[in-house]
Amino acid sequence: MSKKKKKFKETTIEDFYDLRLDKVDELVAALKGDEDENAQEISFNVSDCTGESADENRTRLGRQKQFDPYKVDKFSRIPTWIKALFVKFWFAGAVCYFIMFGLRISDRLDQLVLTGAVLGLIVDVLVNPLFRYMESDRKEYNAYMMFPFPFKAFWTFFTNLIYYVLVLVCVNYCYLGLNELINCIKHTSDTIHVGVEPLLFGVFTVACDMLFIGIKDGVVALIKKLKNKKKEGALNV
């Protein structure tokens, strides 16, 4: 009984591949134009593809506008690090504007916790999925995410909330340090206080965020290096 069942499976697999090979041969023949001698060359003119007037789809030199399937758009020419840092900076500034300025919470600690939690929510729901949408097979945006997991995990929602509360605490110390530095080097007796506003807040947030991400990436790289050395040592033995 088992032999018959195994033979039936093998026959089914062979038939499965035979059918696909025939379809591949038909597709290759169709692309080469062997089956249709009167086949016309595919036009890439915009007017032919859209049905619009040829006069309306001409360049400044009078040539027909054409579709270029291999053309790289201007957005793809921007370096990855500029796009990633700008997205993180913009969302951090937006959270500062709508949460800190909009709610005007009097207690400093409550303001930091709420702003950090909202920023973590925005990163988990909007920023990281946006990075996944823009990335290629090289996963170049992993270097700009604290938790660069390819799948949507439930626990990353809470870890992002806690992580960005920690980032906001560091941002608060950045403001305190900046004010202390200005008051130490100033030439007047008046106390200068730099207030929170979206632009500087975004810069401090991105700087603290990338500092933590850099530390994490360094630790991960070190662990991988130690594991590879152990494997090489085991193979040599």
C-alpha atoms as a PDB file:
ATOM      1  CA  MET A   1       0.000   0.000   0.000  1.00  0.00           C
ATOM      2  CA  SER A   2       2.783   2.412   0.852  1.00  0.00           C
ATOM      3  CA  LYS A   3       4.634   1.662  -2.404  1.00  0.00           C
ATOM      4  CA  LYS A   4       1.554   2.404  -4.485  1.00  0.00           C
ATOM      5  CA  LYS A   5       0.964   5.636  -2.619  1.00  0.00           C
ATOM      6  CA  LYS A   6       4.596   6.701  -3.109  1.00  0.00           C
ATOM      7  CA  LYS A   7       4.441   5.842  -6.808  1.00  0.00           C
ATOM      8  CA  PHE A   8       1.250   7.874  -7.180  1.00  0.00           C
ATOM      9  CA  LYS A   9       2.891  10.911  -5.559  1.00  0.00           C
ATOM     10  CA  GLU A  10       5.934  10.718  -7.822  1.00  0.00           C
ATOM     11  CA  THR A  11       3.748  10.428 -10.925  1.00  0.00           C
ATOM     12  CA  THR A  12       1.686  13.411  -9.794  1.00  0.00           C
ATOM     13  CA  ILE A  13       4.808  15.533  -9.280  1.00  0.00           C
ATOM     14  CA  GLU A  14       6.149  14.607 -12.702  1.00  0.00           C
ATOM     15  CA  ASP A  15       2.864  15.517 -14.374  1.00  0.00           C
ATOM     16  CA  PHE A  16       2.838  18.763 -12.438  1.00  0.00           C
ATOM     17  CA  TYR A  17       6.233  19.818 -13.791  1.00  0.00           C
ATOM     18  CA  ASP A  18       5.460  18.607 -17.322  1.00  0.00           C
ATOM     19  CA  LEU A  19       2.454  20.926 -17.489  1.00  0.00           C
ATOM     20  CA  ARG A  20       4.500  23.898 -16.334  1.00  0.00           C
ATOM     21  CA  LEU A  21       7.265  23.228 -18.825  1.00  0.00           C
ATOM     22  CA  ASP A  22       4.787  23.322 -21.692  1.00  0.00           C
ATOM     23  CA  LYS A  23       3.490  26.688 -20.518  1.00  0.00           C
ATOM     24  CA  VAL A  24       7.015  28.042 -20.280  1.00  0.00           C
ATOM     25  CA  ASP A  25       7.720  26.954 -23.863  1.00  0.00           C
ATOM     26  CA  GLU A  26       4.549  28.686 -25.045  1.00  0.00           C
ATOM     27  CA  LEU A  27       5.487  31.863 -23.210  1.00  0.00           C
ATOM     28  CA  VAL A  28       8.998  31.922 -24.686  1.00  0.00           C
ATOM     29  CA  ALA A  29       7.619  31.328 -28.172  1.00  0.00           C
ATOM     30  CA  ALA A  30       5.094  34.136 -27.736  1.00  0.00           C
ATOM     31  CA  LEU A  31       7.778  36.559 -26.555  1.00  0.00           C
ATOM     32  CA  LYS A  32      10.002  35.707 -29.520  1.00  0.00           C
ATOM     33  CA  GLY A  33       7.130  36.192 -31.946  1.00  0.00           C
ATOM     34  CA  ASP A  34       7.482  32.723 -33.467  1.00  0.00           C
ATOM     35  CA  GLU A  35       3.738  31.977 -33.399  1.00  0.00           C
ATOM     36  CA  ASP A  36       2.606  35.267 -34.898  1.00  0.00           C
ATOM     37  CA  GLU A  37       4.561  36.525 -37.873  1.00  0.00           C
ATOM     38  CA  ASN A  38       2.494  39.720 -37.973  1.00  0.00           C
ATOM     39  CA  ALA A  39       3.197  40.563 -34.329  1.00  0.00           C
ATOM     40  CA  GLN A  40       3.994  44.248 -33.884  1.00  0.00           C
ATOM     41  CA  GLU A  41       6.685  45.659 -31.682  1.00  0.00           C
ATOM     42  CA  ILE A  42       5.436  46.941 -28.326  1.00  0.00           C
ATOM     43  CA  SER A  43       5.245  50.727 -28.279  1.00  0.00           C
ATOM     44  CA  PHE A  44       6.462  52.687 -25.264  1.00  0.00           C
ATOM     45  CA  ASN A  45       5.018  55.984 -26.491  1.00  0.00           C
ATOM     46  CA  VAL A  46       2.797  57.607 -23.864  1.00  0.00           C
ATOM     47  CA  SER A  47       0.217  58.570 -26.479  1.00  0.00           C
ATOM     48  CA  ASP A  48      -0.066  54.983 -27.769  1.00  0.00           C
ATOM     49  CA  CYS A  49      -0.457  53.548 -24.271  1.00  0.00           C
ATOM     50  CA  THR A  50      -2.950  56.097 -22.970  1.00  0.00           C
ATOM     51  CA  GLY A  51      -4.837  56.873 -26.163  1.00  0.00           C
ATOM     52  CA  GLU A  52      -4.165  60.588 -25.823  1.00  0.00           C
ATOM     53  CA  SER A  53      -3.153  62.911 -28.611  1.00  0.00           C
ATOM     54  CA  ALA A  54       0.428  62.590 -29.821  1.00  0.00           C
ATOM     55  CA  ASP A  55       0.825  66.377 -29.905  1.00  0.00           C
ATOM     56  CA  GLU A  56       0.056  66.658 -26.178  1.00  0.00           C
ATOM     57  CA  ASN A  57       2.736  64.125 -25.215  1.00  0.00           C
ATOM     58  CA  ARG A  58       5.857  65.612 -26.756  1.00  0.00           C
ATOM     59  CA  THR A  59       9.066  66.777 -25.127  1.00  0.00           C
ATOM     60  CA  ARG A  60      10.549  70.238 -25.568  1.00  0.00           C
ATOM     61  CA  LEU A  61      12.580  68.892 -28.488  1.00  0.00           C
ATOM     62  CA  GLY A  62       9.433  67.659 -30.229  1.00  0.00           C
ATOM     63  CA  ARG A  63       9.968  63.958 -29.553  1.00  0.00           C
ATOM     64  CA  GLN A  64       7.306  61.564 -28.341  1.00  0.00           C
ATOM     65  CA  LYS A  65       7.272  61.014 -24.570  1.00  0.00           C
ATOM     66  CA  GLN A  66       7.983  57.377 -23.729  1.00  0.00           C
ATOM     67  CA  PHE A  67       7.582  55.136 -20.723  1.00  0.00           C
ATOM     68  CA  ASP A  68      10.912  54.026 -19.270  1.00  0.00           C
ATOM     69  CA  PRO A  69      10.473  50.909 -17.094  1.00  0.00           C
ATOM     70  CA  TYR A  70      14.087  51.179 -15.914  1.00  0.00           C
ATOM     71  CA  LYS A  71      13.983  54.844 -14.991  1.00  0.00           C
ATOM     72  CA  VAL A  72      14.966  55.611 -11.396  1.00  0.00           C
ATOM     73  CA  ASP A  73      12.722  58.229  -9.793  1.00  0.00           C
ATOM     74  CA  LYS A  74      14.169  61.234  -8.001  1.00  0.00           C
ATOM     75  CA  PHE A  75      13.012  60.005  -4.583  1.00  0.00           C
ATOM     76  CA  SER A  76      15.104  56.819  -4.940  1.00  0.00           C
ATOM     77  CA  ARG A  77      18.223  58.891  -5.581  1.00  0.00           C
ATOM     78  CA  ILE A  78      18.058  60.432  -2.106  1.00  0.00           C
ATOM     79  CA  PRO A  79      20.414  58.560   0.285  1.00  0.00           C
ATOM     80  CA  THR A  80      18.744  56.236   2.754  1.00  0.00           C
ATOM     81  CA  TRP A  81      20.181  57.963   5.823  1.00  0.00           C
ATOM     82  CA  ILE A  82      18.714  61.332   4.785  1.00  0.00           C
ATOM     83  CA  LYS A  83      15.234  59.880   4.272  1.00  0.00           C
ATOM     84  CA  ALA A  84      15.329  57.868   7.506  1.00  0.00           C
ATOM     85  CA  LEU A  85      16.564  60.725   9.684  1.00  0.00           C
ATOM     86  CA  PHE A  86      14.139  63.202   8.115  1.00  0.00           C
ATOM     87  CA  VAL A  87      11.153  60.897   8.751  1.00  0.00           C
ATOM     88  CA  LYS A  88      12.181  60.373  12.373  1.00  0.00           C
ATOM     89  CA  PHE A  89      12.828  64.098  12.830  1.00  0.00           C
ATOM     90  CA  TRP A  90       9.484  65.117  11.279  1.00  0.00           C
ATOM     91  CA  PHE A  91       7.386  62.746  13.371  1.00  0.00           C
ATOM     92  CA  ALA A  92       9.220  63.713  16.570  1.00  0.00           C
ATOM     93  CA  GLY A  93       8.596  67.405  15.859  1.00  0.00           C
ATOM     94  CA  ALA A  94       4.929  66.699  15.110  1.00  0.00           C
ATOM     95  CA  VAL A  95       4.501  64.840  18.416  1.00  0.00           C
ATOM     96  CA  CYS A  96       6.129  67.752  20.246  1.00  0.00           C
ATOM     97  CA  TYR A  97       3.809  70.245  18.570  1.00  0.00           C
ATOM     98  CA  PHE A  98       0.542  68.354  19.075  1.00  0.00           C
ATOM     99  CA  ILE A  99       1.213  66.765  22.479  1.00  0.00           C
ATOM    100  CA  MET A 100       3.452  69.160  24.398  1.00  0.00           C
ATOM    101  CA  PHE A 101       1.999  72.343  22.941  1.00  0.00           C
ATOM    102  CA  GLY A 102      -1.522  71.034  22.465  1.00  0.00           C
ATOM    103  CA  LEU A 103      -2.165  69.409  25.840  1.00  0.00           C
ATOM    104  CA  ARG A 104       0.018  71.723  27.983  1.00  0.00           C
ATOM    105  CA  ILE A 105       0.428  69.293  30.893  1.00  0.00           C
ATOM    106  CA  SER A 106       1.789  71.102  33.940  1.00  0.00           C
ATOM    107  CA  ASP A 107       3.562  68.164  35.580  1.00  0.00           C
ATOM    108  CA  ARG A 108       6.955  67.597  33.924  1.00  0.00           C
ATOM    109  CA  LEU A 109       7.117  63.856  34.558  1.00  0.00           C
ATOM    110  CA  ASP A 110       3.600  63.226  33.240  1.00  0.00           C
ATOM    111  CA  GLN A 111       4.442  65.269  30.155  1.00  0.00           C
ATOM    112  CA  LEU A 112       7.571  63.209  29.438  1.00  0.00           C
ATOM    113  CA  VAL A 113       5.806  59.869  29.933  1.00  0.00           C
ATOM    114  CA  LEU A 114       2.811  60.809  27.783  1.00  0.00           C
ATOM    115  CA  THR A 115       4.924  62.313  24.998  1.00  0.00           C
ATOM    116  CA  GLY A 116       7.271  59.321  24.971  1.00  0.00           C
ATOM    117  CA  ALA A 117       4.357  56.871  24.882  1.00  0.00           C
ATOM    118  CA  VAL A 118       2.706  58.717  21.993  1.00  0.00           C
ATOM    119  CA  LEU A 119       6.001  58.852  20.106  1.00  0.00           C
ATOM    120  CA  GLY A 120       6.494  55.110  20.627  1.00  0.00           C
ATOM    121  CA  LEU A 121       2.973  54.494  19.341  1.00  0.00           C
ATOM    122  CA  ILE A 122       3.637  56.624  16.242  1.00  0.00           C
ATOM    123  CA  VAL A 123       6.917  54.807  15.560  1.00  0.00           C
ATOM    124  CA  ASP A 124       5.331  51.371  15.889  1.00  0.00           C
ATOM    125  CA  VAL A 125       2.226  52.165  13.834  1.00  0.00           C
ATOM    126  CA  LEU A 126       3.543  54.616  11.220  1.00  0.00           C
ATOM    127  CA  VAL A 127       7.326  55.063  11.087  1.00  0.00           C
ATOM    128  CA  ASN A 128       8.493  51.435  11.101  1.00  0.00           C
ATOM    129  CA  PRO A 129       5.833  50.286   8.583  1.00  0.00           C
ATOM    130  CA  LEU A 130       6.847  53.230   6.380  1.00  0.00           C
ATOM    131  CA  PHE A 131      10.472  52.092   6.533  1.00  0.00           C
ATOM    132  CA  ARG A 132       9.377  48.559   5.594  1.00  0.00           C
ATOM    133  CA  TYR A 133       7.481  49.967   2.637  1.00  0.00           C
ATOM    134  CA  MET A 134      10.451  51.978   1.346  1.00  0.00           C
ATOM    135  CA  GLU A 135      13.176  49.370   1.909  1.00  0.00           C
ATOM    136  CA  SER A 136      14.583  46.965  -0.682  1.00  0.00           C
ATOM    137  CA  ASP A 137      15.785  43.396  -0.274  1.00  0.00           C
ATOM    138  CA  ARG A 138      18.937  44.763   1.385  1.00  0.00           C
ATOM    139  CA  LYS A 139      16.909  45.830   4.470  1.00  0.00           C
ATOM    140  CA  GLU A 140      18.793  49.127   4.601  1.00  0.00           C
ATOM    141  CA  TYR A 141      16.353  50.707   7.091  1.00  0.00           C
ATOM    142  CA  ASN A 142      17.107  48.139   9.804  1.00  0.00           C
ATOM    143  CA  ALA A 143      19.948  50.381  10.970  1.00  0.00           C
ATOM    144  CA  TYR A 144      17.403  53.088  11.859  1.00  0.00           C
ATOM    145  CA  MET A 145      14.985  50.950  13.907  1.00  0.00           C
ATOM    146  CA  MET A 146      15.454  49.818  17.484  1.00  0.00           C
ATOM    147  CA  PHE A 147      13.416  46.653  16.919  1.00  0.00           C
ATOM    148  CA  PRO A 148      13.888  45.784  13.221  1.00  0.00           C
ATOM    149  CA  PHE A 149      11.685  42.716  13.040  1.00  0.00           C
ATOM    150  CA  PRO A 150      10.255  41.803   9.610  1.00  0.00           C
ATOM    151  CA  PHE A 151       6.983  40.600  11.129  1.00  0.00           C
ATOM    152  CA  LYS A 152       4.385  42.484  13.156  1.00  0.00           C
ATOM    153  CA  ALA A 153       4.907  41.304  16.724  1.00  0.00           C
ATOM    154  CA  PHE A 154       2.504  42.236  19.514  1.00  0.00           C
ATOM    155  CA  TRP A 155       5.230  42.744  22.094  1.00  0.00           C
ATOM    156  CA  THR A 156       7.079  45.373  20.010  1.00  0.00           C
ATOM    157  CA  PHE A 157       4.174  47.749  20.642  1.00  0.00           C
ATOM    158  CA  PHE A 158       4.922  47.863  24.376  1.00  0.00           C
ATOM    159  CA  THR A 159       8.700  47.836  23.978  1.00  0.00           C
ATOM    160  CA  ASN A 160       8.529  50.857  21.653  1.00  0.00           C
ATOM    161  CA  LEU A 161       6.394  52.717  24.207  1.00  0.00           C
ATOM    162  CA  ILE A 162       8.866  52.009  27.030  1.00  0.00           C
ATOM    163  CA  TYR A 163      11.882  52.677  24.839  1.00  0.00           C
ATOM    164  CA  TYR A 164      10.728  56.104  23.669  1.00  0.00           C
ATOM    165  CA  VAL A 165       9.847  57.156  27.206  1.00  0.00           C
ATOM    166  CA  LEU A 166      13.530  56.458  27.966  1.00  0.00           C
ATOM    167  CA  VAL A 167      14.520  58.478  24.878  1.00  0.00           C
ATOM    168  CA  LEU A 168      12.420  61.419  26.077  1.00  0.00           C
ATOM    169  CA  VAL A 169      14.134  61.299  29.478  1.00  0.00           C
ATOM    170  CA  CYS A 170      17.477  61.646  27.684  1.00  0.00           C
ATOM    171  CA  VAL A 171      16.054  64.503  25.599  1.00  0.00           C
ATOM    172  CA  ASN A 172      15.085  66.255  28.825  1.00  0.00           C
ATOM    173  CA  TYR A 173      18.675  65.969  30.081  1.00  0.00           C
ATOM    174  CA  CYS A 174      19.889  67.341  26.740  1.00  0.00           C
ATOM    175  CA  TYR A 175      17.836  70.494  27.324  1.00  0.00           C
ATOM    176  CA  LEU A 176      19.112  70.759  30.898  1.00  0.00           C
ATOM    177  CA  GLY A 177      22.703  70.347  29.740  1.00  0.00           C
ATOM    178  CA  LEU A 178      22.271  72.916  26.976  1.00  0.00           C
ATOM    179  CA  ASN A 179      20.858  75.480  29.391  1.00  0.00           C
ATOM    180  CA  GLU A 180      23.669  74.862  31.870  1.00  0.00           C
ATOM    181  CA  LEU A 181      26.257  75.238  29.122  1.00  0.00           C
ATOM    182  CA  ILE A 182      24.773  78.507  27.876  1.00  0.00           C
ATOM    183  CA  ASN A 183      24.558  79.968  31.376  1.00  0.00           C
ATOM    184  CA  CYS A 184      28.177  78.979  32.076  1.00  0.00           C
ATOM    185  CA  ILE A 185      29.633  80.702  29.018  1.00  0.00           C
ATOM    186  CA  LYS A 186      27.317  83.752  28.916  1.00  0.00           C
ATOM    187  CA  HIS A 187      28.720  87.185  29.713  1.00  0.00           C
ATOM    188  CA  THR A 188      25.637  88.564  31.499  1.00  0.00           C
ATOM    189  CA  SER A 189      24.137  87.890  34.897  1.00  0.00           C
ATOM    190  CA  ASP A 190      20.704  87.073  33.430  1.00  0.00           C
ATOM    191  CA  THR A 191      19.652  83.436  33.381  1.00  0.00           C
ATOM    192  CA  ILE A 192      19.018  82.120  29.865  1.00  0.00           C
ATOM    193  CA  HIS A 193      16.537  79.317  29.407  1.00  0.00           C
ATOM    194  CA  VAL A 194      16.090  77.504  26.072  1.00  0.00           C
ATOM    195  CA  GLY A 195      12.486  76.385  25.797  1.00  0.00           C
ATOM    196  CA  VAL A 196      11.101  73.310  24.078  1.00  0.00           C
ATOM    197  CA  GLU A 197      10.088  73.750  20.456  1.00  0.00           C
ATOM    198  CA  PRO A 198       9.559  71.193  17.639  1.00  0.00           C
ATOM    199  CA  LEU A 199      12.767  71.751  15.640  1.00  0.00           C
ATOM    200  CA  LEU A 200      15.325  71.413  18.436  1.00  0.00           C
ATOM    201  CA  PHE A 201      13.168  68.741  20.072  1.00  0.00           C
ATOM    202  CA  GLY A 202      13.285  66.722  16.851  1.00  0.00           C
ATOM    203  CA  VAL A 203      17.066  67.076  16.621  1.00  0.00           C
ATOM    204  CA  PHE A 204      17.600  65.954  20.225  1.00  0.00           C
ATOM    205  CA  THR A 205      15.148  63.052  19.830  1.00  0.00           C
ATOM    206  CA  VAL A 206      16.816  61.755  16.666  1.00  0.00           C
ATOM    207  CA  ALA A 207      20.275  62.131  18.226  1.00  0.00           C
ATOM    208  CA  CYS A 208      19.319  60.195  21.388  1.00  0.00           C
ATOM    209  CA  ASP A 209      17.414  57.592  19.387  1.00  0.00           C
ATOM    210  CA  MET A 210      20.319  56.949  17.007  1.00  0.00           C
ATOM    211  CA  LEU A 211      22.743  56.819  19.947  1.00  0.00           C
ATOM    212  CA  PHE A 212      20.771  53.970  21.540  1.00  0.00           C
ATOM    213  CA  ILE A 213      20.341  52.227  18.186  1.00  0.00           C
ATOM    214  CA  GLY A 214      24.088  52.508  17.545  1.00  0.00           C
ATOM    215  CA  ILE A 215      24.849  50.961  20.939  1.00  0.00           C
ATOM    216  CA  LYS A 216      22.395  48.140  20.233  1.00  0.00           C
ATOM    217  CA  ASP A 217      23.873  47.482  16.789  1.00  0.00           C
ATOM    218  CA  GLY A 218      27.379  47.453  18.266  1.00  0.00           C
ATOM    219  CA  VAL A 219      26.400  44.908  20.917  1.00  0.00           C
ATOM    220  CA  VAL A 220      24.661  42.697  18.338  1.00  0.00           C
ATOM    221  CA  ALA A 221      27.682  42.864  16.010  1.00  0.00           C
ATOM    222  CA  LEU A 222      30.008  41.975  18.898  1.00  0.00           C
ATOM    223  CA  ILE A 223      27.866  38.961  19.879  1.00  0.00           C
ATOM    224  CA  LYS A 224      27.794  37.730  16.266  1.00  0.00           C
ATOM    225  CA  LYS A 225      31.565  38.120  16.018  1.00  0.00           C
ATOM    226  CA  LEU A 226      32.112  36.086  19.199  1.00  0.00           C
ATOM    227  CA  LYS A 227      29.757  33.361  17.957  1.00  0.00           C
ATOM    228  CA  ASN A 228      31.588  33.154  14.638  1.00  0.00           C
ATOM    229  CA  LYS A 229      34.925  32.857  16.448  1.00  0.00           C
ATOM    230  CA  LYS A 230      33.546  30.004  18.574  1.00  0.00           C
ATOM    231  CA  LYS A 231      32.293  28.207  15.445  1.00  0.00           C
ATOM    232  CA  GLU A 232      35.657  28.628  13.719  1.00  0.00           C
ATOM    233  CA  GLY A 233      37.441  27.355  16.813  1.00  0.00           C
ATOM    234  CA  ALA A 234      35.156  24.324  17.013  1.00  0.00           C
ATOM    235  CA  LEU A 235      35.771  23.526  13.333  1.00  0.00           C
ATOM    236  CA  ASN A 236      39.541  23.830  13.725  1.00  0.00           C
ATOM    237  CA  VAL A 237      39.503  21.411  16.659  1.00  0.00           C
END
